[in-house]
Amino acid sequence: MVGVIGDPVRYSLSPLLHNAAFDALGLDWVSVAFPVPAGAVTDALAGMRAFGIVGLSVTMPHKHDAALGVDECTDVAARLGVVNCITRKAGRLVGDSTDGAGFVESLRRGAGFDPAGRKCLVVGAGGAARAVVMALADGGADEVVVVNRTGVRAAEAAALAGGAGRVGSTADISGAELVVQATSVGMAGIDRSGDGGISVPFDPALLHAGQLVADLVYHPAVTPLLAAAEAAGAQTVGGLGMLVHQAALAVERWTQQTAPVDAMWAAAKRSTPTG
């Protein structure tokens, strides 16, 4: 058995993705959602040990506490200070972060894009943005510019990219080969405009042909930003890919088998609204 912990966790797609993978692999495994309130990660991990649960995906608000509660962290998880995947190995709980690697893999699959030697820009400085910044740098990006309303948080995120990272502004968007929208702006049900509409995080007139624009939001599948980017002639990648590929990496950690990514993609597309 594996599962996902979070609060709320009722609508998580993780069990669906995991179970699609187990079915395709012919494994008699099951993934379930465990609602765990904030501050109760220690109890959840004790339950994982007691019941012999092989792995857990970790969602908000538990990623930081999970990093403190496991027996050891991978290098990536330790650098980020968060864990989104826990694997039980010989009685020890090992925490990892698969978000960044999942994002880079989604770029390769969805757009044939490799970050090595490329100029990248990330809008946002939260947990997802930080994972993306570090993964792009680890993937050999020539530059990773972070744009965020709060300068201190932008600097902290940019530091994760080492010498390739720097704090920038929206003026840097037009010069980027990859633009990543890593905030909740554009998510269905989130009103950022103040007038009842759903906004984009920056002026889409800054986008142009020859760029790849990625949005980590996956509902709706085509966000207002992606629609504007397509109209400007840019190539686009939606947020569902990151979700699928980070889950695929978790399945590989748990089962020691190659994840059936196509089966997981098919399950995700069947369950995700297109509008």
Protein backbone atom coordinates (compact mmCIF):
# COMPACT_ATOMS: atom_id res chain seq x y z
CA MET A 1 0.00 0.00 0.00
CA VAL A 2 0.99 3.59 -0.69
CA GLY A 3 -0.87 6.84 -0.24
CA VAL A 4 -0.91 10.60 -0.22
CA ILE A 5 -1.15 12.82 2.85
CA GLY A 6 -2.36 16.40 2.84
CA ASP A 7 -5.00 18.82 4.06
CA PRO A 8 -7.14 19.00 2.05
CA VAL A 9 -6.40 15.85 0.08
CA ARG A 10 -9.85 14.73 -1.04
CA TYR A 11 -9.43 15.90 -4.62
CA SER A 12 -5.81 14.84 -5.10
CA LEU A 13 -5.12 13.08 -8.39
CA SER A 14 -2.17 11.19 -6.91
CA PRO A 15 -4.08 7.98 -5.99
CA LEU A 16 -5.57 7.87 -9.48
CA LEU A 17 -2.12 8.21 -11.08
CA HIS A 18 -0.52 5.68 -8.75
CA ASN A 19 -3.30 3.13 -9.21
CA ALA A 20 -3.15 3.49 -13.00
CA ALA A 21 0.56 2.72 -12.79
CA PHE A 22 0.06 -0.30 -10.54
CA ASP A 23 -2.62 -1.69 -12.86
CA ALA A 24 -0.33 -1.29 -15.87
CA LEU A 25 2.55 -2.95 -14.00
CA GLY A 26 0.36 -5.84 -12.86
CA LEU A 27 1.01 -5.09 -9.19
CA ASP A 28 -1.52 -5.90 -6.46
CA TRP A 29 -0.93 -2.50 -4.86
CA VAL A 30 -3.33 0.30 -3.96
CA SER A 31 -2.92 4.02 -3.33
CA VAL A 32 -5.31 5.89 -1.06
CA ALA A 33 -5.70 9.45 0.20
CA PHE A 34 -5.07 10.05 3.90
CA PRO A 35 -6.39 13.38 5.24
CA VAL A 36 -3.79 14.52 7.77
CA PRO A 37 -4.32 17.87 9.54
CA ALA A 38 -1.55 20.42 9.84
CA GLY A 39 0.93 19.55 12.56
CA ALA A 40 0.18 15.82 12.53
CA VAL A 41 2.93 14.60 10.19
CA THR A 42 4.76 12.84 13.04
CA ASP A 43 1.68 10.74 13.70
CA ALA A 44 1.26 10.00 9.99
CA LEU A 45 4.84 8.80 9.68
CA ALA A 46 4.43 6.64 12.77
CA GLY A 47 1.41 5.07 11.08
CA MET A 48 3.44 4.53 7.93
CA ARG A 49 6.00 2.58 9.94
CA ALA A 50 3.41 0.64 11.94
CA PHE A 51 1.32 -0.47 8.96
CA GLY A 52 4.22 -1.19 6.63
CA ILE A 53 3.14 1.41 4.06
CA VAL A 54 5.72 1.37 1.27
CA GLY A 55 5.47 4.99 0.18
CA LEU A 56 3.71 8.29 0.66
CA SER A 57 3.24 11.30 -1.56
CA VAL A 58 3.18 14.49 0.49
CA THR A 59 1.15 17.58 -0.40
CA MET A 60 0.47 20.89 1.32
CA PRO A 61 0.81 21.80 4.09
CA HIS A 62 3.17 18.99 5.09
CA LYS A 63 6.20 19.15 2.81
CA HIS A 64 8.44 21.02 5.25
CA ASP A 65 7.40 19.00 8.31
CA ALA A 66 7.89 15.78 6.37
CA ALA A 67 11.49 16.77 5.63
CA LEU A 68 12.05 17.10 9.37
CA GLY A 69 10.27 13.84 10.24
CA VAL A 70 11.92 11.32 7.91
CA ASP A 71 15.06 9.40 8.81
CA GLU A 72 17.03 10.84 5.91
CA CYS A 73 16.61 13.12 2.91
CA THR A 74 18.03 12.89 -0.57
CA ASP A 75 20.40 15.67 -1.60
CA VAL A 76 17.63 17.40 -3.58
CA ALA A 77 15.17 17.30 -0.69
CA ALA A 78 17.80 18.49 1.77
CA ARG A 79 18.71 21.46 -0.41
CA LEU A 80 15.07 22.45 -0.84
CA GLY A 81 14.11 21.71 2.75
CA VAL A 82 10.92 19.94 1.64
CA VAL A 83 9.78 16.41 0.85
CA ASN A 84 6.97 15.35 -1.48
CA CYS A 85 7.81 11.64 -1.68
CA ILE A 86 8.67 9.21 1.12
CA THR A 87 9.93 5.68 0.57
CA ARG A 88 10.33 3.03 3.26
CA LYS A 89 13.68 1.27 2.78
CA ALA A 90 14.81 -1.41 5.22
CA GLY A 91 12.70 0.15 7.94
CA ARG A 92 13.97 3.69 7.32
CA LEU A 93 11.94 6.51 5.82
CA VAL A 94 13.74 8.32 3.01
CA GLY A 95 12.38 11.68 1.87
CA ASP A 96 12.80 13.00 -1.66
CA SER A 97 11.48 15.84 -3.82
CA THR A 98 10.39 14.77 -7.30
CA ASP A 99 8.65 18.01 -8.32
CA GLY A 100 11.59 19.64 -10.08
CA ALA A 101 12.72 16.55 -11.92
CA GLY A 102 9.11 15.86 -12.87
CA PHE A 103 8.81 19.36 -14.32
CA VAL A 104 11.96 19.04 -16.43
CA GLU A 105 10.76 15.68 -17.72
CA SER A 106 7.42 17.24 -18.63
CA LEU A 107 9.27 19.80 -20.75
CA ARG A 108 11.15 17.06 -22.56
CA ARG A 109 8.01 15.04 -23.24
CA GLY A 110 5.68 17.93 -23.98
CA ALA A 111 7.98 20.19 -25.99
CA GLY A 112 11.27 18.39 -26.62
CA PHE A 113 12.93 21.07 -24.48
CA ASP A 114 16.21 20.47 -22.63
CA PRO A 115 17.23 23.25 -20.22
CA ALA A 116 20.97 22.73 -20.78
CA GLY A 117 22.52 25.95 -22.01
CA ARG A 118 19.18 27.79 -22.15
CA LYS A 119 18.00 31.08 -20.68
CA CYS A 120 15.12 30.38 -18.30
CA LEU A 121 12.84 32.60 -16.24
CA VAL A 122 10.56 31.58 -13.37
CA VAL A 123 7.70 33.73 -12.12
CA GLY A 124 7.11 33.00 -8.45
CA ALA A 125 9.21 32.01 -5.46
CA GLY A 126 7.03 29.53 -3.56
CA GLY A 127 7.69 25.83 -3.03
CA ALA A 128 6.92 24.73 -6.59
CA ALA A 129 8.91 27.62 -8.06
CA ARG A 130 11.92 26.80 -5.90
CA ALA A 131 11.89 23.18 -7.01
CA VAL A 132 11.72 24.29 -10.65
CA VAL A 133 14.54 26.82 -10.23
CA MET A 134 16.86 24.23 -8.75
CA ALA A 135 15.96 21.55 -11.29
CA LEU A 136 16.59 23.90 -14.22
CA ALA A 137 19.99 24.80 -12.81
CA ASP A 138 20.82 21.15 -12.13
CA GLY A 139 19.78 20.47 -15.74
CA GLY A 140 22.50 22.83 -16.97
CA ALA A 141 20.51 26.00 -17.66
CA ASP A 142 22.76 28.91 -18.61
CA GLU A 143 20.63 31.33 -16.62
CA VAL A 144 17.66 31.06 -14.26
CA VAL A 145 16.01 34.41 -13.58
CA VAL A 146 13.48 34.63 -10.74
CA VAL A 147 10.73 37.24 -10.86
CA ASN A 148 8.64 37.73 -7.73
CA ARG A 149 6.79 40.52 -5.96
CA THR A 150 8.86 39.99 -2.80
CA GLY A 151 12.54 40.62 -3.46
CA VAL A 152 13.83 38.64 -0.48
CA ARG A 153 11.96 35.51 -1.51
CA ALA A 154 13.11 35.96 -5.11
CA ALA A 155 16.72 36.12 -3.92
CA GLU A 156 16.29 32.98 -1.82
CA ALA A 157 14.85 31.09 -4.78
CA ALA A 158 17.51 32.37 -7.19
CA ALA A 159 20.24 31.23 -4.79
CA LEU A 160 19.10 27.63 -5.34
CA ALA A 161 20.37 27.94 -8.92
CA GLY A 162 23.88 28.82 -7.77
CA GLY A 163 25.89 30.88 -10.24
CA ALA A 164 23.18 30.58 -12.88
CA GLY A 165 20.55 32.25 -10.71
CA ARG A 166 19.68 35.91 -10.39
CA VAL A 167 16.74 38.09 -9.43
CA GLY A 168 15.05 39.79 -12.37
CA SER A 169 11.94 41.68 -13.40
CA THR A 170 9.24 41.34 -16.02
CA ALA A 171 11.58 43.20 -18.38
CA ASP A 172 13.59 39.98 -18.59
CA ILE A 173 10.67 37.94 -19.92
CA SER A 174 11.11 38.81 -23.59
CA GLY A 175 14.72 37.59 -23.54
CA ALA A 176 13.99 34.19 -21.97
CA GLU A 177 13.82 30.99 -23.99
CA LEU A 178 11.69 29.34 -21.29
CA VAL A 179 9.15 31.23 -19.19
CA VAL A 180 7.64 29.33 -16.25
CA GLN A 181 4.52 30.55 -14.46
CA ALA A 182 4.84 29.04 -10.97
CA THR A 183 2.15 30.87 -9.00
CA SER A 184 -1.55 30.10 -8.50
CA VAL A 185 -2.60 32.91 -10.85
CA GLY A 186 -4.93 31.52 -13.50
CA MET A 187 -6.12 28.59 -11.41
CA ALA A 188 -9.83 27.92 -11.71
CA GLY A 189 -11.68 29.40 -8.75
CA ILE A 190 -8.89 31.85 -7.84
CA ASP A 191 -9.74 35.47 -8.56
CA ARG A 192 -6.62 37.61 -8.70
CA SER A 193 -8.00 40.48 -10.74
CA GLY A 194 -10.35 42.01 -8.20
CA ASP A 195 -13.10 42.41 -10.79
CA GLY A 196 -14.47 38.89 -10.99
CA GLY A 197 -12.11 37.74 -13.74
CA ILE A 198 -9.05 35.50 -13.74
CA SER A 199 -5.85 37.35 -14.46
CA VAL A 200 -2.44 36.51 -15.86
CA PRO A 201 0.69 37.16 -13.76
CA PHE A 202 2.31 39.57 -16.24
CA ASP A 203 1.61 41.37 -19.51
CA PRO A 204 1.36 38.64 -22.19
CA ALA A 205 2.53 41.18 -24.77
CA LEU A 206 6.03 40.35 -23.51
CA LEU A 207 5.75 36.87 -25.03
CA HIS A 208 6.63 36.01 -28.59
CA ALA A 209 7.30 33.22 -31.07
CA GLY A 210 10.36 31.10 -30.35
CA GLN A 211 9.67 30.91 -26.61
CA LEU A 212 8.36 28.01 -24.56
CA VAL A 213 5.84 29.06 -21.91
CA ALA A 214 5.04 26.59 -19.12
CA ASP A 215 2.29 27.05 -16.55
CA LEU A 216 2.31 24.87 -13.42
CA VAL A 217 -1.47 25.34 -13.04
CA TYR A 218 -3.27 22.30 -14.46
CA HIS A 219 -6.92 23.28 -13.92
CA PRO A 220 -7.93 24.64 -16.32
CA ALA A 221 -5.78 22.73 -18.80
CA VAL A 222 -5.35 25.89 -20.88
CA THR A 223 -4.90 28.82 -18.53
CA PRO A 224 -5.41 32.43 -19.61
CA LEU A 225 -1.62 32.79 -19.80
CA LEU A 226 -1.21 29.75 -22.04
CA ALA A 227 -3.99 30.97 -24.31
CA ALA A 228 -2.26 34.34 -24.62
CA ALA A 229 1.12 32.69 -25.21
CA GLU A 230 -0.31 30.55 -27.99
CA ALA A 231 -1.85 33.64 -29.58
CA ALA A 232 1.60 35.27 -29.49
CA GLY A 233 3.09 32.29 -31.34
CA ALA A 234 4.90 30.74 -28.38
CA GLN A 235 4.98 27.01 -27.68
CA THR A 236 3.19 26.01 -24.47
CA VAL A 237 3.19 23.28 -21.84
CA GLY A 238 0.48 22.92 -19.19
CA GLY A 239 0.83 21.93 -15.56
CA LEU A 240 -0.55 18.41 -15.84
CA GLY A 241 2.79 17.13 -17.08
CA MET A 242 4.62 18.06 -13.89
CA LEU A 243 1.95 16.30 -11.83
CA VAL A 244 2.16 13.12 -13.90
CA HIS A 245 5.93 12.95 -14.09
CA GLN A 246 6.57 13.67 -10.40
CA ALA A 247 4.11 10.86 -9.62
CA ALA A 248 5.88 8.57 -12.08
CA LEU A 249 9.18 9.20 -10.32
CA ALA A 250 7.53 8.35 -6.99
CA VAL A 251 6.22 5.07 -8.43
CA GLU A 252 9.73 4.21 -9.56
CA ARG A 253 11.13 4.94 -6.09
CA TRP A 254 8.54 2.65 -4.49
CA THR A 255 8.41 -0.25 -6.95
CA GLN A 256 11.93 -0.22 -8.40
CA GLN A 257 10.28 -0.56 -11.82
CA THR A 258 10.04 1.81 -14.76
CA ALA A 259 6.83 3.78 -14.44
CA PRO A 260 4.22 3.29 -17.20
CA VAL A 261 4.02 6.99 -17.99
CA ASP A 262 1.64 6.59 -20.93
CA ALA A 263 -0.92 4.80 -18.73
CA MET A 264 -0.59 7.51 -16.09
CA TRP A 265 -1.04 10.25 -18.70
CA ALA A 266 -4.15 8.55 -20.04
CA ALA A 267 -5.67 8.35 -16.55
CA ALA A 268 -4.85 12.00 -15.84
CA LYS A 269 -6.40 13.25 -19.08
CA ARG A 270 -9.58 11.26 -18.50
CA SER A 271 -10.10 12.86 -15.11
CA THR A 272 -9.00 16.43 -15.78
CA PRO A 273 -11.39 19.04 -17.18
CA THR A 274 -10.21 20.55 -20.43
CA GLY A 275 -11.80 23.93 -19.87
